[in-house]
């Protein structure tokens, strides 16, 4: 938001106008986010897959942890960038600012917090040990810093903080003027960025706690939060990863924890701010690291690697993108690869060749069932995806290649097909479009020119209705063109194969006769 608004307004030269534009941009961001929710566009969050969330969670945890090195090492002039390289560069270029007192205090409290976390994980009944450890650490460290004057020994403390609540800012919102275009553009961009991160954080903790996230409600909640925030001196915000992790680590279960937290913050702002003057920053950093380090799920990453290498690539892109570029770009890259995978599955649908398992009426994939045998004279295929404009060309080419593989040269050097019937099992074809209908009509005509017949098996209602609606000559409605099962289709056309001039091998004839007998 700051970088976009600075293109036209300087916060140093015109701070009042800059604030007005920031609050106005926040209002438009909230309006856009809430509108997405009211329009029921929450399905957008479904593009955040399990692999994307695991990678995002690990990357964000590392980035947030690295950001706390400023507090843990006592560095004052630290980079404001979130990338892995800038953070480490800042750490090692500021070794002269490292404070051994800060490092010692930070290590001790970090060890204490990790120990209490370990105890609570091993013995769930002692959950209160981990939940109370951060508060105890703050109280204890504040007392130590006050007694020993820690600020005089190189340990940075929070210092004096301004008391009171944010003043109202609805009178600063601008809905006209020369900067309206900038305000709306900034609001739109920041709305998308904050939604992406907020929903990713929500989905992450939903996966950890095994509950569902309603995308529409999330969008409405974040949108209304920003609309109200724009009227109370707040700029655009979202569900923060580090504070959500602290909440999760403390054992919070419901939104009541947010109400208690809000009331606590309000009371603190009004009356308790002087008490935190001596709280060391290093302890706050240790609390955040303890909370986020448990979100690096290595077993989940290993399971994804074992199950699906492409999903692991998505996980890796989300992880590396978040670490080396930014949270938004990392998520964008991972989601883009996930969408590419879906498009690949749509444009390259699974189509397999079926064979008969001897002694049964069952037809299965020849690649998966090694005992299955091809039925002579038949090319039995199963298409296992909807047929639409994106995949009809691929299916035509695939079927043509299968037919060509069964062609042999006769005595005159001409190509003769060893098959007579092409049987398409359509049980898994849930839908077709206009291109899908044309695919069947074109395939039937192409096969007729080669002296082959097309037979359809178990098409679903939508597929039948569209085929018959487009079938002016009722070719697909013929009794010998459509069957309920593959074995019925084979048995019905058995006599044609049996009477061919080039008889099949005896064992293949026996297979045909057995199938026909069983049917």
Protein backbone atom coordinates (compact mmCIF):
# COMPACT_ATOMS: atom_id res chain seq x y z
CA UNK A 1 0.00 0.00 0.00
CA UNK A 2 2.76 2.39 0.97
CA UNK A 3 4.75 1.78 -2.22
CA UNK A 4 1.69 2.35 -4.44
CA UNK A 5 0.56 5.53 -2.70
CA UNK A 6 4.09 6.98 -2.65
CA UNK A 7 4.05 7.05 -6.45
CA UNK A 8 1.85 10.16 -6.27
CA UNK A 9 1.93 11.43 -2.68
CA UNK A 10 4.87 11.87 -0.31
CA UNK A 11 4.11 10.95 3.33
CA UNK A 12 6.81 13.38 4.46
CA UNK A 13 5.58 16.41 2.51
CA UNK A 14 1.84 15.81 2.80
CA UNK A 15 1.17 13.38 5.69
CA UNK A 16 -2.52 14.29 6.07
CA UNK A 17 -3.32 13.55 2.41
CA UNK A 18 -1.26 10.35 2.62
CA UNK A 19 -3.34 9.18 5.61
CA UNK A 20 -6.57 10.06 3.82
CA UNK A 21 -5.55 7.99 0.79
CA UNK A 22 -4.43 5.08 2.99
CA UNK A 23 -7.74 4.95 4.87
CA UNK A 24 -9.73 5.35 1.64
CA UNK A 25 -7.76 2.55 -0.03
CA UNK A 26 -8.46 0.37 3.00
CA UNK A 27 -12.20 1.07 2.63
CA UNK A 28 -12.18 0.07 -1.07
CA UNK A 29 -10.11 -3.04 -0.26
CA UNK A 30 -12.69 -4.11 2.32
CA UNK A 31 -15.56 -3.33 -0.05
CA UNK A 32 -14.00 -5.48 -2.78
CA UNK A 33 -13.29 -8.37 -0.37
CA UNK A 34 -16.78 -8.36 1.12
CA UNK A 35 -18.31 -8.18 -2.37
CA UNK A 36 -16.46 -11.34 -3.38
CA UNK A 37 -17.97 -13.10 -0.38
CA UNK A 38 -21.52 -11.85 -1.01
CA UNK A 39 -21.22 -12.93 -4.66
CA UNK A 40 -20.38 -16.48 -3.47
CA UNK A 41 -16.91 -16.52 -5.00
CA UNK A 42 -15.36 -18.36 -2.06
CA UNK A 43 -14.60 -21.35 -4.29
CA UNK A 44 -11.45 -19.44 -5.28
CA UNK A 45 -9.77 -20.73 -2.10
CA UNK A 46 -10.07 -24.30 -3.43
CA UNK A 47 -7.07 -23.54 -5.63
CA UNK A 48 -4.96 -23.64 -2.45
CA UNK A 49 -4.17 -27.36 -2.41
CA UNK A 50 -2.77 -29.39 0.49
CA UNK A 51 0.69 -29.33 -1.10
CA UNK A 52 0.53 -25.54 -1.52
CA UNK A 53 -0.46 -25.05 2.12
CA UNK A 54 2.26 -27.33 3.49
CA UNK A 55 4.90 -25.51 1.43
CA UNK A 56 3.50 -22.08 2.31
CA UNK A 57 3.33 -22.98 6.00
CA UNK A 58 6.96 -24.13 6.13
CA UNK A 59 8.23 -21.16 4.11
CA UNK A 60 6.29 -18.62 6.14
CA UNK A 61 7.44 -20.22 9.40
CA UNK A 62 11.08 -19.93 8.36
CA UNK A 63 10.69 -16.33 7.16
CA UNK A 64 8.90 -15.27 10.35
CA UNK A 65 11.55 -17.03 12.45
CA UNK A 66 14.38 -15.33 10.55
CA UNK A 67 12.72 -11.96 11.09
CA UNK A 68 13.02 -12.54 14.85
CA UNK A 69 16.82 -12.68 14.57
CA UNK A 70 16.71 -8.90 14.91
CA UNK A 71 15.42 -9.30 18.45
CA UNK A 72 17.37 -12.45 19.32
CA UNK A 73 20.72 -10.94 18.29
CA UNK A 74 20.03 -7.38 19.42
CA UNK A 75 20.45 -5.83 15.96
CA UNK A 76 19.06 -2.28 15.69
CA UNK A 77 19.48 -1.48 11.97
CA UNK A 78 17.72 -4.50 10.46
CA UNK A 79 16.30 -4.90 6.94
CA UNK A 80 12.56 -4.42 6.45
CA UNK A 81 12.50 -6.95 3.59
CA UNK A 82 11.03 -10.42 4.13
CA UNK A 83 13.22 -12.45 1.75
CA UNK A 84 15.62 -15.15 2.93
CA UNK A 85 18.70 -13.58 1.31
CA UNK A 86 18.13 -9.95 2.49
CA UNK A 87 17.46 -11.13 6.06
CA UNK A 88 20.60 -13.29 6.30
CA UNK A 89 22.62 -10.59 4.56
CA UNK A 90 21.45 -8.07 7.15
CA UNK A 91 22.28 -10.50 9.98
CA UNK A 92 25.87 -11.14 8.89
CA UNK A 93 26.57 -7.57 7.80
CA UNK A 94 25.62 -6.33 11.28
CA UNK A 95 27.77 -8.63 13.40
CA UNK A 96 29.15 -5.55 15.16
CA UNK A 97 25.66 -4.94 16.59
CA UNK A 98 25.27 -8.43 18.05
CA UNK A 99 24.80 -8.39 21.82
CA UNK A 100 25.93 -11.42 23.83
CA UNK A 101 23.62 -10.43 26.71
CA UNK A 102 20.63 -10.42 24.33
CA UNK A 103 21.69 -13.73 22.76
CA UNK A 104 22.06 -15.37 26.19
CA UNK A 105 18.65 -14.15 27.41
CA UNK A 106 16.99 -15.12 24.13
CA UNK A 107 18.55 -18.60 24.14
CA UNK A 108 17.44 -19.25 27.74
CA UNK A 109 13.82 -18.20 27.17
CA UNK A 110 13.67 -19.98 23.80
CA UNK A 111 14.89 -23.18 25.46
CA UNK A 112 12.31 -22.77 28.23
CA UNK A 113 9.45 -22.24 25.76
CA UNK A 114 10.48 -25.20 23.60
CA UNK A 115 10.75 -27.41 26.69
CA UNK A 116 7.23 -26.50 27.85
CA UNK A 117 5.93 -27.13 24.34
CA UNK A 118 7.57 -30.57 24.33
CA UNK A 119 6.05 -31.42 27.73
CA UNK A 120 2.55 -30.44 26.58
CA UNK A 121 2.89 -32.52 23.39
CA UNK A 122 4.06 -35.59 25.31
CA UNK A 123 1.40 -35.22 28.01
CA UNK A 124 -1.76 -33.53 26.63
CA UNK A 125 -3.21 -33.20 30.14
CA UNK A 126 -0.46 -30.67 30.84
CA UNK A 127 -1.56 -28.36 27.99
CA UNK A 128 -1.65 -25.46 30.44
CA UNK A 129 2.15 -25.64 30.80
CA UNK A 130 2.69 -24.64 27.16
CA UNK A 131 -0.27 -22.22 27.18
CA UNK A 132 0.97 -20.29 30.22
CA UNK A 133 4.68 -20.30 29.31
CA UNK A 134 4.60 -17.19 27.03
CA UNK A 135 2.81 -15.06 29.67
CA UNK A 136 5.17 -16.27 32.37
CA UNK A 137 8.14 -15.47 30.13
CA UNK A 138 6.93 -11.92 29.56
CA UNK A 139 6.33 -11.29 33.27
CA UNK A 140 9.64 -12.83 34.33
CA UNK A 141 11.72 -11.10 31.63
CA UNK A 142 10.07 -7.72 32.35
CA UNK A 143 10.89 -8.04 36.07
CA UNK A 144 14.51 -9.03 35.28
CA UNK A 145 14.91 -6.15 32.83
CA UNK A 146 13.47 -3.68 35.35
CA UNK A 147 15.61 -4.91 38.28
CA UNK A 148 18.91 -5.15 36.38
CA UNK A 149 18.31 -2.16 34.06
CA UNK A 150 18.67 -4.36 30.98
CA UNK A 151 18.60 -1.42 28.57
CA UNK A 152 21.94 -0.31 30.03
CA UNK A 153 23.50 -3.70 29.20
CA UNK A 154 22.73 -3.91 25.47
CA UNK A 155 19.29 -5.58 25.77
CA UNK A 156 16.63 -3.61 23.88
CA UNK A 157 13.24 -3.16 25.54
CA UNK A 158 9.91 -2.05 24.12
CA UNK A 159 10.22 1.39 25.71
CA UNK A 160 7.53 3.98 26.35
CA UNK A 161 4.42 3.39 24.26
CA UNK A 162 1.63 5.82 23.42
CA UNK A 163 -1.54 5.20 25.40
CA UNK A 164 -5.14 5.40 24.21
CA UNK A 165 -7.32 4.05 21.38
CA UNK A 166 -7.20 4.98 17.69
CA UNK A 167 -9.25 8.10 16.87
CA UNK A 168 -12.15 7.85 14.39
CA UNK A 169 -11.17 8.45 10.76
CA UNK A 170 -14.43 8.28 8.75
CA UNK A 171 -14.13 12.02 8.14
CA UNK A 172 -10.82 11.36 6.30
CA UNK A 173 -12.26 8.99 3.68
CA UNK A 174 -12.16 10.41 0.14
CA UNK A 175 -14.57 9.24 -2.57
CA UNK A 176 -13.87 11.98 -5.13
CA UNK A 177 -11.03 14.10 -6.42
CA UNK A 178 -7.99 13.54 -8.59
CA UNK A 179 -6.64 10.68 -6.47
CA UNK A 180 -9.77 8.48 -6.65
CA UNK A 181 -8.29 6.27 -9.38
CA UNK A 182 -5.12 5.67 -7.35
CA UNK A 183 -7.17 4.90 -4.24
CA UNK A 184 -9.36 2.34 -6.04
CA UNK A 185 -6.38 0.67 -7.75
CA UNK A 186 -4.45 0.45 -4.47
CA UNK A 187 -7.52 -0.93 -2.70
CA UNK A 188 -8.00 -3.63 -5.36
CA UNK A 189 -4.37 -4.79 -5.31
CA UNK A 190 -4.02 -4.81 -1.53
CA UNK A 191 -7.41 -6.56 -1.21
CA UNK A 192 -6.21 -9.46 -3.38
CA UNK A 193 -2.87 -9.69 -1.55
CA UNK A 194 -4.39 -9.64 1.93
CA UNK A 195 -7.13 -12.11 0.93
CA UNK A 196 -4.58 -14.54 -0.48
CA UNK A 197 -2.43 -14.52 2.62
CA UNK A 198 -5.35 -14.45 5.07
CA UNK A 199 -7.16 -17.37 3.47
CA UNK A 200 -3.91 -19.33 3.13
CA UNK A 201 -3.30 -18.87 6.86
CA UNK A 202 -6.90 -19.89 7.60
CA UNK A 203 -6.66 -23.02 5.44
CA UNK A 204 -3.33 -23.89 7.06
CA UNK A 205 -4.72 -23.97 10.59
CA UNK A 206 -7.94 -25.61 9.39
CA UNK A 207 -5.82 -28.47 8.01
CA UNK A 208 -3.96 -28.76 11.33
CA UNK A 209 -7.16 -28.86 13.39
CA UNK A 210 -9.27 -30.81 10.86
CA UNK A 211 -12.11 -28.35 10.30
CA UNK A 212 -13.57 -26.66 7.22
CA UNK A 213 -13.08 -23.06 6.10
CA UNK A 214 -15.98 -21.33 4.33
CA UNK A 215 -14.33 -19.11 1.72
CA UNK A 216 -17.37 -16.83 1.40
CA UNK A 217 -17.51 -16.18 5.15
CA UNK A 218 -13.76 -15.57 5.26
CA UNK A 219 -14.00 -12.96 2.50
CA UNK A 220 -16.97 -11.22 4.12
CA UNK A 221 -15.25 -11.22 7.53
CA UNK A 222 -11.95 -9.83 6.23
CA UNK A 223 -13.81 -7.29 4.07
CA UNK A 224 -16.01 -5.98 6.88
CA UNK A 225 -12.95 -5.85 9.15
CA UNK A 226 -11.18 -3.55 6.69
CA UNK A 227 -14.29 -1.40 6.09
CA UNK A 228 -14.67 -0.84 9.85
CA UNK A 229 -10.90 -0.45 10.20
CA UNK A 230 -10.81 2.34 7.62
CA UNK A 231 -13.11 4.32 9.95
CA UNK A 232 -10.93 3.74 13.02
CA UNK A 233 -7.47 4.79 11.79
CA UNK A 234 -6.43 1.34 10.52
CA UNK A 235 -4.83 0.46 7.19
CA UNK A 236 -5.58 -2.76 5.30
CA UNK A 237 -4.86 -5.94 7.24
CA UNK A 238 -5.49 -9.67 7.19
CA UNK A 239 -5.08 -12.79 9.35
CA UNK A 240 -1.45 -12.56 10.45
CA UNK A 241 0.57 -15.76 10.32
CA UNK A 242 2.77 -15.13 13.38
CA UNK A 243 -0.05 -14.03 15.70
CA UNK A 244 -2.31 -16.85 14.47
CA UNK A 245 0.52 -19.27 15.26
CA UNK A 246 0.84 -17.85 18.79
CA UNK A 247 -2.94 -18.20 19.24
CA UNK A 248 -2.80 -21.79 17.96
CA UNK A 249 0.16 -22.63 20.19
CA UNK A 250 -1.71 -21.32 23.23
CA UNK A 251 -4.47 -23.86 22.59
CA UNK A 252 -7.24 -21.48 21.47
CA UNK A 253 -10.23 -23.26 19.92
CA UNK A 254 -12.91 -20.71 19.00
CA UNK A 255 -13.42 -17.07 18.02
CA UNK A 256 -14.07 -16.26 21.68
CA UNK A 257 -10.28 -16.10 22.04
CA UNK A 258 -10.31 -13.12 19.63
CA UNK A 259 -12.91 -11.34 21.74
CA UNK A 260 -10.85 -11.87 24.90
CA UNK A 261 -7.71 -10.76 23.06
CA UNK A 262 -9.44 -7.59 21.78
CA UNK A 263 -10.71 -6.65 25.22
CA UNK A 264 -7.27 -7.35 26.70
CA UNK A 265 -5.59 -5.15 24.07
CA UNK A 266 -8.11 -2.38 24.69
CA UNK A 267 -7.59 -2.48 28.46
CA UNK A 268 -3.82 -2.60 27.94
CA UNK A 269 -3.87 0.39 25.59
CA UNK A 270 -5.94 2.41 28.04
CA UNK A 271 -4.39 1.51 31.39
CA UNK A 272 -1.48 -0.96 31.28
CA UNK A 273 0.96 0.43 28.73
CA UNK A 274 3.54 1.60 31.32
CA UNK A 275 3.90 -2.00 32.57
CA UNK A 276 5.38 -3.12 29.22
CA UNK A 277 8.00 -0.40 29.08
CA UNK A 278 10.72 -2.79 30.27
CA UNK A 279 9.63 -5.92 28.35
CA UNK A 280 12.65 -7.15 26.32
CA UNK A 281 12.05 -7.49 22.57
CA UNK A 282 14.10 -10.67 22.59
CA UNK A 283 11.41 -12.51 24.60
CA UNK A 284 8.71 -11.55 22.12
CA UNK A 285 10.90 -12.93 19.33
CA UNK A 286 11.42 -16.19 21.24
CA UNK A 287 7.65 -16.58 21.73
CA UNK A 288 6.98 -16.13 17.99
CA UNK A 289 9.72 -18.59 16.99
CA UNK A 290 8.35 -21.21 19.38
CA UNK A 291 4.88 -20.78 17.90
CA UNK A 292 5.82 -20.98 14.20
CA UNK A 293 8.53 -23.64 14.32
CA UNK A 294 5.95 -26.35 14.96
CA UNK A 295 4.21 -25.48 11.68
CA UNK A 296 7.03 -26.97 9.58
CA UNK A 297 5.43 -30.33 8.75
CA UNK A 298 8.24 -32.54 7.41
CA UNK A 299 6.25 -35.82 7.68
CA UNK A 300 3.47 -34.30 5.53
CA UNK A 301 6.03 -33.20 2.93
CA UNK A 302 7.50 -36.72 2.87
CA UNK A 303 4.04 -38.27 2.40
CA UNK A 304 3.33 -35.93 -0.52
CA UNK A 305 6.71 -36.89 -2.06
CA UNK A 306 5.79 -40.59 -1.81
CA UNK A 307 2.29 -40.17 -3.20
CA UNK A 308 2.62 -37.59 -6.00
CA UNK A 309 5.87 -36.09 -7.30
CA UNK A 310 4.00 -33.32 -9.14
CA UNK A 311 2.30 -32.25 -5.90
CA UNK A 312 5.71 -32.23 -4.24
CA UNK A 313 6.91 -29.86 -6.97
CA UNK A 314 3.98 -27.57 -6.09
CA UNK A 315 4.97 -27.79 -2.40
CA UNK A 316 8.58 -26.97 -3.27
CA UNK A 317 7.58 -23.97 -5.38
CA UNK A 318 5.39 -22.58 -2.60
CA UNK A 319 8.18 -23.12 -0.05
CA UNK A 320 11.02 -21.65 -2.12
CA UNK A 321 8.83 -18.86 -3.51
CA UNK A 322 7.81 -17.70 -0.03
CA UNK A 323 11.41 -17.86 1.22
CA UNK A 324 13.26 -16.28 -1.70
CA UNK A 325 10.65 -13.96 -3.26
CA UNK A 326 7.59 -13.16 -1.11
CA UNK A 327 4.50 -14.75 0.37
CA UNK A 328 2.26 -13.53 -2.44
CA UNK A 329 4.57 -14.54 -5.30
CA UNK A 330 5.26 -17.91 -3.71
CA UNK A 331 1.55 -18.67 -3.42
CA UNK A 332 0.93 -17.38 -6.95
CA UNK A 333 3.61 -19.67 -8.42
CA UNK A 334 2.31 -22.71 -6.53
CA UNK A 335 -1.33 -22.03 -7.49
CA UNK A 336 -0.30 -21.49 -11.13
CA UNK A 337 1.46 -24.87 -11.25
CA UNK A 338 -1.56 -26.53 -9.58
CA UNK A 339 -3.88 -25.01 -12.20
CA UNK A 340 -1.48 -26.15 -14.94
CA UNK A 341 -1.72 -29.69 -13.53
CA UNK A 342 -5.53 -29.52 -13.63
CA UNK A 343 -5.45 -28.21 -17.21
CA UNK A 344 -3.07 -31.00 -18.16
CA UNK A 345 -5.49 -33.57 -16.73
CA UNK A 346 -8.37 -31.97 -18.64
CA UNK A 347 -6.54 -31.78 -21.97
CA UNK A 348 -4.92 -35.22 -21.56
CA UNK A 349 -7.74 -37.37 -20.15
CA UNK A 350 -7.04 -40.92 -19.12
CA UNK A 351 -7.99 -43.45 -21.82
CA UNK A 352 -7.05 -47.10 -21.32
CA UNK A 353 -7.32 -50.36 -23.26
CA UNK A 354 -9.41 -53.06 -21.58
CA UNK A 355 -9.01 -56.82 -21.64
CA UNK A 356 -10.95 -59.76 -20.26
CA UNK A 357 -9.84 -61.49 -17.08
CA UNK A 358 -10.01 -65.21 -17.95
CA UNK A 359 -12.84 -67.12 -16.30
CA UNK A 360 -14.89 -63.97 -15.60
CA UNK A 361 -17.10 -61.40 -17.32
CA UNK A 362 -14.85 -58.63 -16.01
CA UNK A 363 -12.92 -56.28 -18.27
CA UNK A 364 -10.04 -54.30 -16.80
CA UNK A 365 -7.06 -52.13 -17.77
CA UNK A 366 -4.45 -54.25 -19.57
CA UNK A 367 -1.59 -52.25 -18.00
CA UNK A 368 -2.80 -52.79 -14.43
CA UNK A 369 -4.03 -56.36 -14.73
CA UNK A 370 -1.33 -58.45 -16.35
CA UNK A 371 -3.58 -61.54 -16.45
CA UNK A 372 -6.18 -59.70 -18.58
CA UNK A 373 -6.28 -60.69 -22.27
CA UNK A 374 -7.30 -58.72 -25.33
CA UNK A 375 -10.43 -59.97 -27.08
CA UNK A 376 -9.57 -60.71 -30.75
CA UNK A 377 -11.36 -58.54 -33.27
CA UNK A 378 -12.23 -55.91 -30.67
CA UNK A 379 -10.51 -52.73 -29.50
CA UNK A 380 -12.09 -52.06 -26.13
CA UNK A 381 -11.30 -48.64 -24.67
CA UNK A 382 -12.38 -46.82 -21.52
CA UNK A 383 -12.43 -43.01 -21.42
CA UNK A 384 -12.27 -41.79 -17.82
CA UNK A 385 -12.97 -38.05 -18.00
CA UNK A 386 -15.54 -35.59 -19.39
CA UNK A 387 -15.17 -35.06 -23.15
CA UNK A 388 -15.02 -31.41 -24.19
CA UNK A 389 -13.38 -28.95 -26.56
CA UNK A 390 -10.07 -29.15 -24.67
CA UNK A 391 -9.46 -32.87 -25.17
CA UNK A 392 -11.32 -34.09 -28.28
CA UNK A 393 -8.27 -33.64 -30.55
CA UNK A 394 -6.10 -35.62 -28.13
CA UNK A 395 -8.67 -38.44 -27.92
CA UNK A 396 -8.96 -38.65 -31.74
CA UNK A 397 -5.19 -38.95 -32.08
CA UNK A 398 -4.95 -41.50 -29.28
CA UNK A 399 -7.65 -43.76 -30.72
CA UNK A 400 -6.18 -43.46 -34.22
CA UNK A 401 -2.78 -44.60 -32.93
CA UNK A 402 -4.34 -47.62 -31.22
CA UNK A 403 -6.10 -48.59 -34.46
CA UNK A 404 -2.90 -48.19 -36.49
CA UNK A 405 -1.00 -50.42 -34.06
CA UNK A 406 -3.40 -53.27 -34.94
CA UNK A 407 -2.99 -52.88 -38.69
CA UNK A 408 -0.94 -55.43 -40.69
CA UNK A 409 -0.02 -55.71 -44.36
CA UNK A 410 -1.97 -58.16 -46.52
CA UNK A 411 -0.68 -60.05 -49.59
CA UNK A 412 -1.10 -56.94 -51.76
CA UNK A 413 0.88 -54.73 -49.38
CA UNK A 414 -2.19 -52.89 -48.12
CA UNK A 415 -2.83 -52.13 -44.48
CA UNK A 416 -5.54 -54.40 -43.03
CA UNK A 417 -6.96 -53.92 -39.57
CA UNK A 418 -7.07 -56.92 -37.23
CA UNK A 419 -10.06 -55.44 -35.43
CA UNK A 420 -13.67 -55.07 -36.49
CA UNK A 421 -15.30 -53.23 -33.59
CA UNK A 422 -14.24 -50.25 -31.47
CA UNK A 423 -16.02 -50.44 -28.11
CA UNK A 424 -15.93 -47.27 -25.98
CA UNK A 425 -16.79 -47.70 -22.31
CA UNK A 426 -18.30 -44.32 -21.29
CA UNK A 427 -19.17 -45.16 -17.67
CA UNK A 428 -16.73 -42.52 -16.37
CA UNK A 429 -17.66 -39.81 -18.91
CA UNK A 430 -19.83 -37.54 -16.77
CA UNK A 431 -20.40 -34.79 -19.37
CA UNK A 432 -19.82 -33.76 -22.98
CA UNK A 433 -20.15 -30.47 -24.81
CA UNK A 434 -20.78 -29.63 -28.48
CA UNK A 435 -17.23 -30.62 -29.39
CA UNK A 436 -17.75 -33.90 -27.58
CA UNK A 437 -20.83 -34.68 -29.65
CA UNK A 438 -18.93 -33.83 -32.85
CA UNK A 439 -16.11 -36.09 -31.66
CA UNK A 440 -18.41 -39.14 -31.60
CA UNK A 441 -19.99 -38.32 -34.97
CA UNK A 442 -16.62 -37.71 -36.65
CA UNK A 443 -15.15 -40.85 -35.09
CA UNK A 444 -18.05 -42.99 -36.30
CA UNK A 445 -17.70 -41.69 -39.88
CA UNK A 446 -13.90 -42.15 -39.84
CA UNK A 447 -14.28 -45.74 -38.63
CA UNK A 448 -16.91 -46.54 -41.25
CA UNK A 449 -14.46 -45.54 -44.00
CA UNK A 450 -12.04 -48.14 -42.60
CA UNK A 451 -14.76 -50.78 -42.36
CA UNK A 452 -14.94 -50.60 -38.57
CA UNK A 453 -17.95 -50.14 -36.31
CA UNK A 454 -18.26 -47.93 -33.23
CA UNK A 455 -20.06 -49.34 -30.19
CA UNK A 456 -20.87 -47.31 -27.06
CA UNK A 457 -21.18 -48.84 -23.60
CA UNK A 458 -23.08 -47.40 -20.63
CA UNK A 459 -23.18 -43.70 -21.54
CA UNK A 460 -24.67 -41.57 -18.74
CA UNK A 461 -27.95 -39.72 -19.14
CA UNK A 462 -26.46 -36.34 -20.13
CA UNK A 463 -24.23 -38.00 -22.72
CA UNK A 464 -27.12 -40.03 -24.24
CA UNK A 465 -29.44 -37.03 -24.37
CA UNK A 466 -26.94 -34.83 -26.21
CA UNK A 467 -25.92 -37.58 -28.61
CA UNK A 468 -29.52 -38.41 -29.54
CA UNK A 469 -30.41 -34.73 -29.82
CA UNK A 470 -27.67 -34.27 -32.41
CA UNK A 471 -28.22 -37.63 -34.15
CA UNK A 472 -30.48 -36.74 -37.09
CA UNK A 473 -30.24 -40.20 -38.67
CA UNK A 474 -30.62 -42.10 -35.39
CA UNK A 475 -27.29 -43.88 -35.93
CA UNK A 476 -26.52 -44.01 -32.21
CA UNK A 477 -30.02 -45.27 -31.41
CA UNK A 478 -29.55 -48.57 -33.28
CA UNK A 479 -29.78 -51.69 -31.06
CA UNK A 480 -26.29 -52.87 -32.03
CA UNK A 481 -24.66 -49.49 -31.30
CA UNK A 482 -25.31 -49.03 -27.57
CA UNK A 483 -25.04 -51.54 -24.70
CA UNK A 484 -25.16 -51.57 -20.93
CA UNK A 485 -21.98 -53.58 -20.32
CA UNK A 486 -18.80 -54.40 -22.23
CA UNK A 487 -19.46 -58.16 -22.09
CA UNK A 488 -22.92 -57.68 -23.67
CA UNK A 489 -21.38 -55.64 -26.49
CA UNK A 490 -18.72 -58.32 -27.14
CA UNK A 491 -21.24 -61.15 -27.07
CA UNK A 492 -23.66 -59.32 -29.40
CA UNK A 493 -20.99 -58.89 -32.08
CA UNK A 494 -19.32 -62.25 -31.56
CA UNK A 495 -20.94 -63.89 -34.59
CA UNK A 496 -19.53 -61.23 -36.91
CA UNK A 497 -15.99 -61.91 -35.71
CA UNK A 498 -16.52 -65.68 -35.80
CA UNK A 499 -17.54 -65.60 -39.46
CA UNK A 500 -14.59 -63.50 -40.65
CA UNK A 501 -12.56 -64.98 -43.51
CA UNK A 502 -9.35 -64.83 -41.45
CA UNK A 503 -10.15 -66.97 -38.41
CA UNK A 504 -8.55 -66.22 -35.10
CA UNK A 505 -6.21 -68.50 -33.23
CA UNK A 506 -7.95 -71.41 -31.42
CA UNK A 507 -7.22 -70.02 -27.97
CA UNK A 508 -8.67 -66.64 -28.97
CA UNK A 509 -11.77 -68.37 -30.38
CA UNK A 510 -12.20 -70.23 -27.09
CA UNK A 511 -12.02 -66.91 -25.23
CA UNK A 512 -14.74 -65.40 -27.42
CA UNK A 513 -16.96 -68.47 -27.05
CA UNK A 514 -16.57 -68.47 -23.27
CA UNK A 515 -17.50 -64.78 -23.04
CA UNK A 516 -20.54 -65.35 -25.27
CA UNK A 517 -21.60 -68.41 -23.29
CA UNK A 518 -21.40 -66.58 -19.94
CA UNK A 519 -23.41 -63.60 -21.28
